[in-house]
Amino acid sequence: MTINQLYSTDSMLKNIEIEFQKISQELKRFLSLYFVRSVELKIASEYSSGLMRTPVHLCVGQESIPVGISEHLFQHDKVLSNHRSHGHYLAKGGSLLALFGEILGKQIGCANGRGGSQHLIDLSANFIASAPILGGTIPIAAGVAFAIKLQKTEGIVVVYLGDAVLEEGVFFETLSFASLHSLPILFVVENNRLSVHTHINQRQPLRKLKDIGLAFNLKSDEFDSSDIDEVSKMCKNYVEYVRKNLKPALIFFETFRSLEHVGPNEDFDLGYRDQSEVAHWLARDSVDISYNKLAKDFSQINYINNMQLKIDQYVNKVWEAAVKSEMARP
């Protein structure tokens, strides 16, 4: 995962590269989860400073999905995303400095400070694009997959979507095109059940979402995203299916957005969320579940806590560097 790249960019944490290669896969997953969470909480904590030049759609609560997917991707695999893209970008290996620079409107930003939070790109990591238009990157992702097929190059495409795309015609048109042409693309729907403030039960008929994929002859299923180890297993199965068969697949993950639709705050007091549903998901936070599983081995607790501290220090240091950097040019 990307944490190798994270440490290799900072001399303060250079020695951790060696440590990271020795730890268990379960611990790697937790540290990757924690890295994305740390970045998002840093953005949330700094948002009121007025330094940011963009609204932010944070993925706190949804981190296990991109971490689970990216564990099984190669560098040459390509990823596209939507408005809630930070976790997808970081998990694929996107530069943290360029992310912070972008939301601060700095020249070092991944889009030279002109795109903002919803327009992330890092071609060195093959993170092709994210965009705020609902469903806007779906046909682009299919085009990238079609190019891979026509040019007979390596790799697959992953495109991340929210459940609100189920109300967009381009989603169904692209599923049909991908199925017809056997494109090497994995559609990943992060189902937090909310389109801004409207619950999926108010927008969609009661049905199994996997039936959508089956209707287009795609391998498809629905899973819970709370346990990163289980998420990783499911993602491995789907990524390998697309890679081996050069066919599309569609996977739905139930997840939870623990902050407001756009911005850094909780909004549980607004009344559009069922409180029992909120309580259920807060009790099943993927970062907490992963930490508690690892902490059963008391010998690891100090090591884990120390690694968390180092990740937080790294995130803070990169933020400070981004703040001090040159503003985007007119």
Protein backbone atom coordinates (compact mmCIF):
# COMPACT_ATOMS: atom_id res chain seq x y z
CA MET A 1 0.00 0.00 0.00
CA THR A 2 0.95 3.63 -0.20
CA ILE A 3 2.39 3.92 3.26
CA ASN A 4 5.72 2.71 1.83
CA GLN A 5 5.74 5.71 -0.47
CA LEU A 6 4.56 7.93 2.37
CA TYR A 7 7.58 7.15 4.50
CA SER A 8 10.08 7.15 1.68
CA THR A 9 9.35 10.82 0.98
CA ASP A 10 10.32 12.01 4.46
CA SER A 11 13.76 11.69 6.04
CA MET A 12 12.23 11.97 9.52
CA LEU A 13 10.55 8.61 8.98
CA LYS A 14 13.01 6.97 6.61
CA ASN A 15 13.89 4.11 8.92
CA ILE A 16 10.26 3.04 9.19
CA GLU A 17 10.43 1.73 5.63
CA ILE A 18 12.45 -1.22 6.93
CA GLU A 19 10.07 -1.76 9.84
CA PHE A 20 7.05 -1.64 7.57
CA GLN A 21 8.31 -4.52 5.46
CA LYS A 22 8.48 -6.73 8.55
CA ILE A 23 5.05 -6.17 10.04
CA SER A 24 1.94 -8.25 9.39
CA GLN A 25 -0.47 -7.53 6.58
CA GLU A 26 -3.16 -6.82 9.18
CA LEU A 27 -1.01 -4.13 10.76
CA LYS A 28 -0.20 -2.66 7.35
CA ARG A 29 -3.92 -2.38 6.64
CA PHE A 30 -4.55 -0.65 9.95
CA LEU A 31 -1.74 1.85 9.43
CA SER A 32 -3.02 2.57 5.93
CA LEU A 33 -6.51 3.14 7.33
CA TYR A 34 -5.11 5.35 10.03
CA PHE A 35 -3.06 7.37 7.54
CA VAL A 36 -6.15 8.27 5.49
CA ARG A 37 -8.11 9.05 8.68
CA SER A 38 -5.29 11.23 9.99
CA VAL A 39 -5.19 13.24 6.75
CA GLU A 40 -8.95 13.78 6.72
CA LEU A 41 -9.05 14.83 10.38
CA LYS A 42 -6.16 17.23 9.74
CA ILE A 43 -8.14 18.86 6.94
CA ALA A 44 -11.22 19.03 9.17
CA SER A 45 -9.28 20.62 12.02
CA GLU A 46 -7.69 23.26 9.77
CA TYR A 47 -10.80 24.09 7.74
CA SER A 48 -11.90 26.98 9.96
CA SER A 49 -8.52 28.70 9.50
CA GLY A 50 -9.73 30.12 6.19
CA LEU A 51 -6.59 28.98 4.36
CA MET A 52 -8.35 26.50 2.11
CA ARG A 53 -9.55 27.61 -1.31
CA THR A 54 -12.13 24.89 -1.75
CA PRO A 55 -15.04 23.06 -0.10
CA VAL A 56 -14.09 19.58 1.13
CA HIS A 57 -16.02 16.32 0.98
CA LEU A 58 -14.32 14.14 3.59
CA CYS A 59 -14.38 10.33 3.67
CA VAL A 60 -14.16 9.81 7.44
CA GLY A 61 -15.86 6.46 8.06
CA GLN A 62 -15.38 5.18 4.49
CA GLU A 63 -11.61 4.60 4.46
CA SER A 64 -11.64 0.80 4.43
CA ILE A 65 -12.94 0.59 0.87
CA PRO A 66 -10.09 2.33 -1.01
CA VAL A 67 -7.53 0.77 1.34
CA GLY A 68 -8.97 -2.69 0.69
CA ILE A 69 -9.07 -2.15 -3.06
CA SER A 70 -5.63 -0.57 -3.44
CA GLU A 71 -3.91 -3.35 -1.53
CA HIS A 72 -4.49 -5.51 -4.61
CA LEU A 73 -3.74 -2.97 -7.34
CA PHE A 74 -0.49 -2.55 -9.25
CA GLN A 75 1.07 0.78 -10.09
CA HIS A 76 -0.05 0.49 -13.72
CA ASP A 77 -3.70 -0.03 -12.72
CA LYS A 78 -5.75 3.11 -13.15
CA VAL A 79 -8.21 4.74 -10.74
CA LEU A 80 -10.89 7.38 -11.20
CA SER A 81 -13.05 8.90 -8.52
CA ASN A 82 -15.82 11.32 -7.58
CA HIS A 83 -16.23 14.34 -5.30
CA ARG A 84 -15.32 12.38 -2.11
CA SER A 85 -11.94 11.41 -3.48
CA HIS A 86 -9.21 11.98 -0.88
CA GLY A 87 -9.12 8.37 0.35
CA HIS A 88 -9.11 6.97 -3.19
CA TYR A 89 -6.26 9.29 -4.18
CA LEU A 90 -4.13 8.55 -1.12
CA ALA A 91 -4.73 4.79 -1.22
CA LYS A 92 -3.54 4.65 -4.85
CA GLY A 93 -0.34 6.48 -3.93
CA GLY A 94 -1.22 10.10 -4.68
CA SER A 95 1.16 12.69 -3.21
CA LEU A 96 0.03 14.03 0.15
CA LEU A 97 1.95 17.26 -0.39
CA ALA A 98 0.18 17.76 -3.73
CA LEU A 99 -3.22 17.05 -2.09
CA PHE A 100 -2.65 19.58 0.67
CA GLY A 101 -1.24 22.03 -1.86
CA GLU A 102 -4.32 21.67 -4.04
CA ILE A 103 -6.85 22.41 -1.32
CA LEU A 104 -4.72 25.37 -0.22
CA GLY A 105 -4.60 26.80 -3.73
CA LYS A 106 -0.83 26.37 -4.03
CA GLN A 107 1.38 25.91 -7.07
CA ILE A 108 2.56 22.53 -5.75
CA GLY A 109 -1.04 21.28 -5.81
CA CYS A 110 -1.76 18.27 -7.99
CA ALA A 111 -3.74 20.53 -10.36
CA ASN A 112 -1.46 23.52 -9.70
CA GLY A 113 -3.86 24.82 -7.09
CA ARG A 114 -6.66 25.49 -9.56
CA GLY A 115 -8.88 22.44 -9.18
CA GLY A 116 -9.47 22.11 -5.46
CA SER A 117 -10.54 19.15 -3.38
CA GLN A 118 -12.78 17.59 -6.02
CA HIS A 119 -10.30 17.71 -8.91
CA LEU A 120 -7.44 15.48 -7.82
CA ILE A 121 -4.97 13.90 -10.22
CA ASP A 122 -1.61 12.14 -9.90
CA LEU A 123 -0.55 10.46 -13.12
CA SER A 124 2.63 9.12 -11.52
CA ALA A 125 0.36 6.94 -9.37
CA ASN A 126 -2.13 6.40 -12.23
CA PHE A 127 -4.82 8.25 -10.33
CA ILE A 128 -6.37 9.60 -13.50
CA ALA A 129 -9.01 12.03 -12.28
CA SER A 130 -11.76 12.90 -9.86
CA ALA A 131 -14.68 15.20 -10.61
CA PRO A 132 -17.68 16.66 -8.76
CA ILE A 133 -20.27 16.05 -11.50
CA LEU A 134 -22.40 13.14 -10.31
CA GLY A 135 -21.43 10.16 -12.47
CA GLY A 136 -19.11 12.33 -14.54
CA THR A 137 -16.09 10.04 -14.39
CA ILE A 138 -18.00 6.83 -15.14
CA PRO A 139 -17.85 7.08 -18.96
CA ILE A 140 -14.29 8.40 -18.76
CA ALA A 141 -13.30 5.30 -16.78
CA ALA A 142 -14.97 3.11 -19.40
CA GLY A 143 -13.01 4.96 -22.09
CA VAL A 144 -9.75 4.32 -20.24
CA ALA A 145 -10.66 0.62 -19.94
CA PHE A 146 -11.61 0.50 -23.62
CA ALA A 147 -8.20 1.97 -24.51
CA ILE A 148 -6.48 -0.72 -22.43
CA LYS A 149 -8.39 -3.37 -24.36
CA LEU A 150 -7.80 -1.89 -27.80
CA GLN A 151 -4.12 -1.20 -27.20
CA LYS A 152 -3.65 -4.53 -25.37
CA THR A 153 -1.77 -2.84 -22.52
CA GLU A 154 -1.46 -4.00 -18.93
CA GLY A 155 -3.73 -3.08 -16.09
CA ILE A 156 -7.34 -2.70 -15.05
CA VAL A 157 -9.47 0.33 -14.20
CA VAL A 158 -11.23 1.01 -10.90
CA VAL A 159 -13.86 3.72 -10.68
CA TYR A 160 -15.34 4.75 -7.33
CA LEU A 161 -18.97 5.85 -7.17
CA GLY A 162 -21.49 6.89 -4.55
CA ASP A 163 -24.96 5.37 -4.26
CA ALA A 164 -26.50 8.55 -5.74
CA VAL A 165 -25.26 7.42 -9.17
CA LEU A 166 -28.08 4.88 -9.09
CA GLU A 167 -30.28 7.79 -10.18
CA GLU A 168 -28.04 8.67 -13.15
CA GLY A 169 -28.65 7.26 -16.62
CA VAL A 170 -24.96 7.36 -17.53
CA PHE A 171 -24.32 4.70 -14.88
CA PHE A 172 -26.60 2.18 -16.59
CA GLU A 173 -25.44 3.14 -20.08
CA THR A 174 -21.82 2.56 -19.04
CA LEU A 175 -22.61 -0.80 -17.40
CA SER A 176 -24.20 -1.87 -20.68
CA PHE A 177 -21.21 -0.68 -22.75
CA ALA A 178 -18.69 -2.30 -20.38
CA SER A 179 -20.56 -5.61 -20.43
CA LEU A 180 -21.00 -5.57 -24.21
CA HIS A 181 -17.31 -4.92 -24.86
CA SER A 182 -15.90 -6.97 -21.94
CA LEU A 183 -13.94 -4.08 -20.48
CA PRO A 184 -11.40 -4.64 -17.65
CA ILE A 185 -13.13 -2.30 -15.21
CA LEU A 186 -14.27 -2.63 -11.61
CA PHE A 187 -17.15 -0.38 -10.56
CA VAL A 188 -17.01 0.22 -6.78
CA VAL A 189 -20.13 1.75 -5.22
CA GLU A 190 -19.65 3.19 -1.75
CA ASN A 191 -23.19 3.00 -0.43
CA ASN A 192 -23.46 5.38 2.52
CA ARG A 193 -27.20 5.48 1.74
CA LEU A 194 -27.22 9.27 1.41
CA SER A 195 -27.52 11.59 -1.55
CA VAL A 196 -26.63 14.76 0.37
CA HIS A 197 -29.47 14.51 2.96
CA THR A 198 -31.81 12.08 1.20
CA HIS A 199 -31.74 8.43 2.28
CA ILE A 200 -31.61 5.69 -0.34
CA ASN A 201 -34.95 4.33 0.93
CA GLN A 202 -36.56 7.53 -0.31
CA ARG A 203 -34.84 7.32 -3.69
CA GLN A 204 -34.74 3.66 -4.66
CA PRO A 205 -37.13 0.71 -4.58
CA LEU A 206 -36.44 -1.96 -1.99
CA ARG A 207 -34.19 -4.50 -3.74
CA LYS A 208 -30.80 -6.13 -3.60
CA LEU A 209 -28.40 -3.72 -5.26
CA LYS A 210 -26.31 -6.56 -6.63
CA ASP A 211 -29.25 -7.35 -8.94
CA ILE A 212 -28.33 -4.24 -10.90
CA GLY A 213 -25.01 -5.77 -11.88
CA LEU A 214 -26.51 -9.18 -12.53
CA ALA A 215 -28.98 -7.58 -14.95
CA PHE A 216 -25.99 -6.55 -17.08
CA ASN A 217 -24.33 -9.95 -16.74
CA LEU A 218 -21.68 -8.59 -14.37
CA LYS A 219 -20.15 -10.34 -11.39
CA SER A 220 -21.78 -8.40 -8.55
CA ASP A 221 -22.45 -8.51 -4.81
CA GLU A 222 -22.94 -6.40 -1.68
CA PHE A 223 -20.67 -6.35 1.38
CA ASP A 224 -20.21 -4.58 4.69
CA SER A 225 -17.16 -2.32 4.96
CA SER A 226 -16.60 -2.36 8.73
CA ASP A 227 -13.82 -4.95 8.95
CA ILE A 228 -10.83 -4.05 6.76
CA ASP A 229 -9.57 -7.64 6.75
CA GLU A 230 -12.87 -8.90 5.34
CA VAL A 231 -13.04 -5.97 2.92
CA SER A 232 -9.57 -6.87 1.65
CA LYS A 233 -10.65 -10.47 0.96
CA MET A 234 -13.67 -9.36 -1.04
CA CYS A 235 -11.65 -6.80 -2.96
CA LYS A 236 -8.96 -9.35 -3.79
CA ASN A 237 -11.59 -11.63 -5.25
CA TYR A 238 -13.05 -8.92 -7.45
CA VAL A 239 -9.79 -7.35 -8.58
CA GLU A 240 -8.41 -10.76 -9.54
CA TYR A 241 -11.63 -11.61 -11.39
CA VAL A 242 -11.40 -8.48 -13.56
CA ARG A 243 -7.66 -8.93 -14.11
CA LYS A 244 -7.86 -12.63 -15.02
CA ASN A 245 -11.03 -12.59 -17.12
CA LEU A 246 -10.72 -9.08 -18.59
CA LYS A 247 -14.38 -8.56 -17.80
CA PRO A 248 -16.20 -5.86 -15.81
CA ALA A 249 -17.54 -6.35 -12.30
CA LEU A 250 -19.67 -4.30 -9.91
CA ILE A 251 -19.26 -4.33 -6.15
CA PHE A 252 -21.36 -2.52 -3.51
CA PHE A 253 -20.01 -1.73 -0.06
CA GLU A 254 -22.28 -0.52 2.70
CA THR A 255 -20.46 2.22 4.55
CA PHE A 256 -21.02 5.32 6.69
CA ARG A 257 -20.17 8.98 6.21
CA SER A 258 -19.60 10.24 9.74
CA LEU A 259 -19.27 13.93 8.85
CA GLU A 260 -21.56 16.27 6.97
CA HIS A 261 -21.96 16.00 3.19
CA VAL A 262 -19.54 18.86 2.59
CA GLY A 263 -17.45 20.35 5.36
CA PRO A 264 -15.62 19.35 8.52
CA ASN A 265 -18.42 18.97 11.07
CA GLU A 266 -20.73 16.30 12.41
CA ASP A 267 -24.38 16.92 11.54
CA PHE A 268 -26.26 14.30 13.51
CA ASP A 269 -28.46 17.03 15.02
CA LEU A 270 -30.03 17.98 11.68
CA GLY A 271 -32.53 15.12 11.86
CA TYR A 272 -32.12 13.59 8.42
CA ARG A 273 -30.27 10.54 9.78
CA ASP A 274 -31.92 7.82 11.81
CA GLN A 275 -30.17 7.81 15.18
CA SER A 276 -30.22 4.02 15.50
CA GLU A 277 -28.45 3.78 12.13
CA VAL A 278 -25.89 6.37 13.27
CA ALA A 279 -25.24 4.47 16.50
CA HIS A 280 -24.87 1.19 14.62
CA TRP A 281 -22.22 2.54 12.28
CA LEU A 282 -20.30 4.58 14.84
CA ALA A 283 -19.94 1.37 16.86
CA ARG A 284 -18.57 -0.37 13.76
CA ASP A 285 -15.95 2.17 12.72
CA SER A 286 -13.34 0.34 10.64
CA VAL A 287 -10.36 2.10 12.26
CA ASP A 288 -11.59 1.21 15.75
CA ILE A 289 -12.38 -2.39 14.82
CA SER A 290 -8.96 -2.89 13.24
CA TYR A 291 -7.15 -1.32 16.20
CA ASN A 292 -9.08 -3.38 18.75
CA LYS A 293 -8.30 -6.62 16.90
CA LEU A 294 -4.60 -5.82 16.84
CA ALA A 295 -4.56 -4.58 20.43
CA LYS A 296 -5.57 -8.04 21.68
CA ASP A 297 -1.87 -8.78 21.35
CA PHE A 298 -0.67 -6.58 24.21
CA SER A 299 2.91 -6.77 22.97
CA GLN A 300 1.91 -4.70 19.92
CA ILE A 301 0.10 -1.83 21.63
CA ASN A 302 3.10 0.41 22.23
CA TYR A 303 4.37 -0.18 18.70
CA ILE A 304 0.98 0.61 17.15
CA ASN A 305 0.54 3.77 19.23
CA ASN A 306 4.04 4.90 18.31
CA MET A 307 3.33 4.37 14.62
CA GLN A 308 0.11 6.36 14.89
CA LEU A 309 2.02 9.21 16.48
CA LYS A 310 4.61 9.15 13.70
CA ILE A 311 1.91 9.21 11.04
CA ASP A 312 0.27 12.22 12.70
CA GLN A 313 3.63 13.97 12.90
CA TYR A 314 4.24 13.29 9.23
CA VAL A 315 0.82 14.62 8.23
CA ASN A 316 1.39 17.78 10.29
CA LYS A 317 4.82 18.29 8.78
CA VAL A 318 3.54 17.96 5.21
CA TRP A 319 0.69 20.36 6.00
CA GLU A 320 3.16 22.96 7.28
CA ALA A 321 5.26 22.58 4.12
CA ALA A 322 2.18 23.06 1.94
CA VAL A 323 1.08 26.15 3.87
CA LYS A 324 4.51 27.74 3.40
CA SER A 325 4.69 26.98 -0.32
CA GLU A 326 4.03 29.40 -3.21
CA MET A 327 0.45 30.35 -4.09
CA ALA A 328 -0.96 29.23 -7.43
CA ARG A 329 -0.01 31.49 -10.30
CA PRO A 330 -2.71 33.62 -11.96
